């Protein structure tokens, strides 16, 4: 009986926890707005950290044929696009 009670009470406890979390987030949204200029640009940081190792590796390639192949490979993978290099 105790095992069944534990299994049945788990969703109830999780529901209460989720409800508290949602109500906390909702009540926090009505407070003073956050100055977004103080927040880091996470998207730019992500793209830089994703592309920088590949750009550094590509800069160290001396053979023009390998460099052309590497550039095409990076471009086909969606890395190093003009949108990413502008950041």
N, C-alpha and C. Protein backbone atom coordinates (compact mmCIF):
# COMPACT_ATOMS: atom_id res chain seq x y z
N UNK A 1 0.82 -1.19 0.00
CA UNK A 1 0.00 0.00 0.00
C UNK A 1 0.87 1.25 0.00
N UNK A 2 1.94 1.24 0.74
CA UNK A 2 2.83 2.39 0.85
C UNK A 2 3.49 2.70 -0.49
N UNK A 3 3.84 1.66 -1.25
CA UNK A 3 4.47 1.86 -2.54
C UNK A 3 3.49 2.50 -3.52
N UNK A 4 2.22 2.07 -3.51
CA UNK A 4 1.22 2.65 -4.39
C UNK A 4 0.97 4.11 -4.01
N UNK A 5 0.95 4.41 -2.75
CA UNK A 5 0.74 5.77 -2.29
C UNK A 5 1.89 6.68 -2.74
N UNK A 6 3.10 6.15 -2.67
CA UNK A 6 4.27 6.92 -3.10
C UNK A 6 4.21 7.20 -4.60
N UNK A 7 3.85 6.20 -5.37
CA UNK A 7 3.76 6.35 -6.82
C UNK A 7 2.66 7.34 -7.19
N UNK A 8 1.55 7.31 -6.49
CA UNK A 8 0.45 8.22 -6.78
C UNK A 8 0.74 9.64 -6.29
N UNK A 9 1.50 9.79 -5.24
CA UNK A 9 1.76 11.13 -4.72
C UNK A 9 2.86 11.85 -5.49
N UNK A 10 3.69 11.13 -6.23
CA UNK A 10 4.77 11.75 -6.98
C UNK A 10 4.25 12.76 -8.01
N UNK A 11 3.26 12.42 -8.84
CA UNK A 11 2.75 13.43 -9.79
C UNK A 11 2.13 14.63 -9.07
N UNK A 12 1.50 14.41 -7.93
CA UNK A 12 0.92 15.51 -7.18
C UNK A 12 2.00 16.46 -6.68
N UNK A 13 3.06 15.91 -6.15
CA UNK A 13 4.17 16.72 -5.65
C UNK A 13 4.84 17.48 -6.80
N UNK A 14 5.06 16.79 -7.93
CA UNK A 14 5.66 17.45 -9.09
C UNK A 14 4.76 18.56 -9.62
N UNK A 15 3.46 18.33 -9.61
CA UNK A 15 2.52 19.36 -10.05
C UNK A 15 2.56 20.59 -9.16
N UNK A 16 2.67 20.37 -7.87
CA UNK A 16 2.76 21.49 -6.93
C UNK A 16 4.04 22.27 -7.17
N UNK A 17 5.14 21.57 -7.36
CA UNK A 17 6.43 22.24 -7.58
C UNK A 17 6.39 23.05 -8.88
N UNK A 18 5.86 22.45 -9.93
CA UNK A 18 5.77 23.17 -11.21
C UNK A 18 4.85 24.37 -11.09
N UNK A 19 3.74 24.21 -10.37
CA UNK A 19 2.82 25.34 -10.17
C UNK A 19 3.47 26.48 -9.43
N UNK A 20 4.25 26.17 -8.42
CA UNK A 20 4.97 27.22 -7.68
C UNK A 20 5.98 27.91 -8.57
N UNK A 21 6.69 27.12 -9.38
CA UNK A 21 7.68 27.71 -10.27
C UNK A 21 7.02 28.63 -11.29
N UNK A 22 5.91 28.20 -11.87
CA UNK A 22 5.21 29.02 -12.86
C UNK A 22 4.67 30.29 -12.23
N UNK A 23 4.10 30.19 -11.06
CA UNK A 23 3.57 31.38 -10.41
C UNK A 23 4.68 32.33 -10.01
N UNK A 24 5.83 31.81 -9.67
CA UNK A 24 6.98 32.65 -9.34
C UNK A 24 7.49 33.39 -10.55
N UNK A 25 7.52 32.72 -11.69
CA UNK A 25 7.97 33.36 -12.93
C UNK A 25 6.95 34.41 -13.36
N UNK A 26 5.67 34.09 -13.24
CA UNK A 26 4.64 35.04 -13.65
C UNK A 26 4.64 36.28 -12.77
N UNK A 27 4.83 36.11 -11.49
CA UNK A 27 4.83 37.27 -10.60
C UNK A 27 6.10 38.08 -10.78
N UNK A 28 7.20 37.45 -11.16
CA UNK A 28 8.44 38.17 -11.41
C UNK A 28 8.38 39.01 -12.66
N UNK A 29 7.52 38.63 -13.60
CA UNK A 29 7.42 39.37 -14.85
C UNK A 29 6.73 40.71 -14.67
N UNK A 30 5.98 40.88 -13.59
CA UNK A 30 5.27 42.13 -13.39
C UNK A 30 6.11 43.17 -12.66
N UNK A 31 7.28 42.79 -12.21
CA UNK A 31 8.15 43.73 -11.51
C UNK A 31 8.84 44.64 -12.52
N UNK A 32 9.77 45.44 -12.05
CA UNK A 32 10.48 46.38 -12.91
C UNK A 32 11.13 45.65 -14.08
N UNK A 33 11.05 46.23 -15.27
CA UNK A 33 11.67 45.57 -16.43
C UNK A 33 13.19 45.58 -16.30
N UNK A 34 13.81 44.59 -16.89
CA UNK A 34 15.27 44.46 -16.84
C UNK A 34 15.87 45.31 -17.95
N UNK A 35 16.93 46.01 -17.64
CA UNK A 35 17.64 46.79 -18.65
C UNK A 35 18.39 45.82 -19.55
N UNK A 36 17.88 45.59 -20.76
CA UNK A 36 18.45 44.58 -21.65
C UNK A 36 19.83 44.96 -22.17
N UNK A 37 20.20 46.23 -22.06
CA UNK A 37 21.53 46.62 -22.53
C UNK A 37 22.62 46.05 -21.62
N UNK A 38 22.25 45.65 -20.42
CA UNK A 38 23.21 45.07 -19.49
C UNK A 38 23.39 43.57 -19.72
N UNK A 39 22.46 42.94 -20.45
CA UNK A 39 22.55 41.50 -20.70
C UNK A 39 23.48 41.23 -21.88
N UNK A 40 24.27 40.17 -21.82
CA UNK A 40 25.17 39.87 -22.94
C UNK A 40 24.36 39.36 -24.14
N UNK A 41 24.89 39.57 -25.33
CA UNK A 41 24.26 39.07 -26.54
C UNK A 41 24.63 37.59 -26.69
N UNK A 42 23.78 36.74 -26.18
CA UNK A 42 24.07 35.30 -26.12
C UNK A 42 24.20 34.72 -27.52
N UNK A 43 23.40 35.20 -28.45
CA UNK A 43 23.45 34.67 -29.81
C UNK A 43 24.80 34.98 -30.46
N UNK A 44 25.30 36.19 -30.28
CA UNK A 44 26.60 36.55 -30.85
C UNK A 44 27.72 35.76 -30.18
N UNK A 45 27.63 35.57 -28.89
CA UNK A 45 28.64 34.77 -28.18
C UNK A 45 28.62 33.33 -28.67
N UNK A 46 27.42 32.79 -28.88
CA UNK A 46 27.29 31.41 -29.38
C UNK A 46 27.93 31.27 -30.76
N UNK A 47 27.58 32.18 -31.67
CA UNK A 47 28.12 32.09 -33.04
C UNK A 47 29.63 32.26 -33.05
N UNK A 48 30.15 33.18 -32.25
CA UNK A 48 31.59 33.38 -32.18
C UNK A 48 32.29 32.14 -31.66
N UNK A 49 31.77 31.58 -30.58
CA UNK A 49 32.41 30.39 -30.01
C UNK A 49 32.29 29.18 -30.92
N UNK A 50 31.25 29.14 -31.72
CA UNK A 50 31.08 28.02 -32.65
C UNK A 50 32.01 28.16 -33.86
N UNK A 51 32.15 29.38 -34.38
CA UNK A 51 32.92 29.58 -35.61
C UNK A 51 34.41 29.82 -35.41
N UNK A 52 34.79 30.36 -34.28
CA UNK A 52 36.19 30.75 -34.09
C UNK A 52 37.19 29.61 -34.25
N UNK A 53 36.95 28.42 -33.70
CA UNK A 53 37.94 27.34 -33.91
C UNK A 53 38.10 26.96 -35.38
N UNK A 54 37.01 26.98 -36.13
CA UNK A 54 37.08 26.63 -37.55
C UNK A 54 37.78 27.72 -38.36
N UNK A 55 37.54 28.99 -38.00
CA UNK A 55 38.22 30.08 -38.70
C UNK A 55 39.71 30.08 -38.40
N UNK A 56 40.06 29.78 -37.15
CA UNK A 56 41.48 29.72 -36.77
C UNK A 56 42.17 28.57 -37.50
N UNK A 57 41.51 27.43 -37.58
CA UNK A 57 42.09 26.28 -38.28
C UNK A 57 42.23 26.59 -39.77
N UNK A 58 41.24 27.25 -40.34
CA UNK A 58 41.31 27.59 -41.77
C UNK A 58 42.40 28.60 -42.08
N UNK A 59 42.71 29.48 -41.15
CA UNK A 59 43.75 30.48 -41.37
C UNK A 59 45.14 29.85 -41.39
N UNK A 60 45.28 28.68 -40.81
CA UNK A 60 46.58 28.02 -40.74
C UNK A 60 46.84 27.07 -41.91
N UNK A 61 45.92 26.97 -42.85
CA UNK A 61 46.08 26.09 -44.01
C UNK A 61 46.90 26.83 -45.07
N UNK A 62 48.00 26.22 -45.52
CA UNK A 62 48.89 26.85 -46.49
C UNK A 62 48.59 26.43 -47.93
N UNK A 63 48.17 25.20 -48.13
CA UNK A 63 47.92 24.67 -49.46
C UNK A 63 46.63 25.26 -50.02
N UNK A 64 46.67 25.91 -51.20
CA UNK A 64 45.45 26.54 -51.74
C UNK A 64 44.33 25.55 -52.06
N UNK A 65 44.68 24.33 -52.49
CA UNK A 65 43.64 23.33 -52.80
C UNK A 65 42.92 22.89 -51.52
N UNK A 66 43.69 22.64 -50.48
CA UNK A 66 43.10 22.23 -49.20
C UNK A 66 42.30 23.39 -48.61
N UNK A 67 42.81 24.61 -48.76
CA UNK A 67 42.10 25.78 -48.24
C UNK A 67 40.75 25.95 -48.95
N UNK A 68 40.73 25.75 -50.29
CA UNK A 68 39.48 25.86 -51.04
C UNK A 68 38.49 24.77 -50.60
N UNK A 69 39.00 23.54 -50.42
CA UNK A 69 38.15 22.44 -49.96
C UNK A 69 37.60 22.73 -48.57
N UNK A 70 38.46 23.21 -47.67
CA UNK A 70 38.05 23.51 -46.30
C UNK A 70 37.01 24.62 -46.28
N UNK A 71 37.21 25.66 -47.08
CA UNK A 71 36.25 26.76 -47.14
C UNK A 71 34.89 26.28 -47.64
N UNK A 72 34.91 25.43 -48.68
CA UNK A 72 33.65 24.88 -49.20
C UNK A 72 32.98 23.99 -48.16
N UNK A 73 33.75 23.21 -47.44
CA UNK A 73 33.21 22.33 -46.41
C UNK A 73 32.55 23.15 -45.30
N UNK A 74 33.22 24.18 -44.82
CA UNK A 74 32.68 25.02 -43.76
C UNK A 74 31.43 25.73 -44.25
N UNK A 75 31.44 26.21 -45.48
CA UNK A 75 30.27 26.89 -46.03
C UNK A 75 29.08 25.94 -46.15
N UNK A 76 29.33 24.71 -46.63
CA UNK A 76 28.26 23.73 -46.78
C UNK A 76 27.69 23.28 -45.44
N UNK A 77 28.50 23.34 -44.40
CA UNK A 77 28.03 22.96 -43.06
C UNK A 77 27.22 24.08 -42.40
N UNK A 78 27.22 25.25 -43.02
CA UNK A 78 26.46 26.36 -42.44
C UNK A 78 27.30 27.22 -41.50
N UNK A 79 28.58 26.95 -41.44
CA UNK A 79 29.48 27.76 -40.61
C UNK A 79 30.17 28.78 -41.49
N UNK A 80 30.57 29.89 -40.90
CA UNK A 80 31.33 30.89 -41.64
C UNK A 80 30.53 31.62 -42.69
N UNK A 81 29.21 31.67 -42.55
CA UNK A 81 28.41 32.43 -43.50
C UNK A 81 28.65 33.91 -43.29
N UNK A 82 28.22 34.73 -44.22
CA UNK A 82 28.45 36.16 -44.11
C UNK A 82 27.80 36.73 -42.85
N UNK A 83 26.67 36.15 -42.45
CA UNK A 83 26.00 36.59 -41.23
C UNK A 83 26.87 36.30 -40.01
N UNK A 84 27.58 35.16 -40.02
CA UNK A 84 28.42 34.78 -38.88
C UNK A 84 29.71 35.59 -38.84
N UNK A 85 30.27 35.91 -40.00
CA UNK A 85 31.54 36.62 -40.01
C UNK A 85 31.37 38.09 -39.72
N UNK A 86 30.17 38.63 -39.87
CA UNK A 86 29.92 40.04 -39.54
C UNK A 86 29.89 40.26 -38.05
N UNK A 87 29.66 39.24 -37.28
CA UNK A 87 29.52 39.39 -35.83
C UNK A 87 30.84 39.59 -35.17
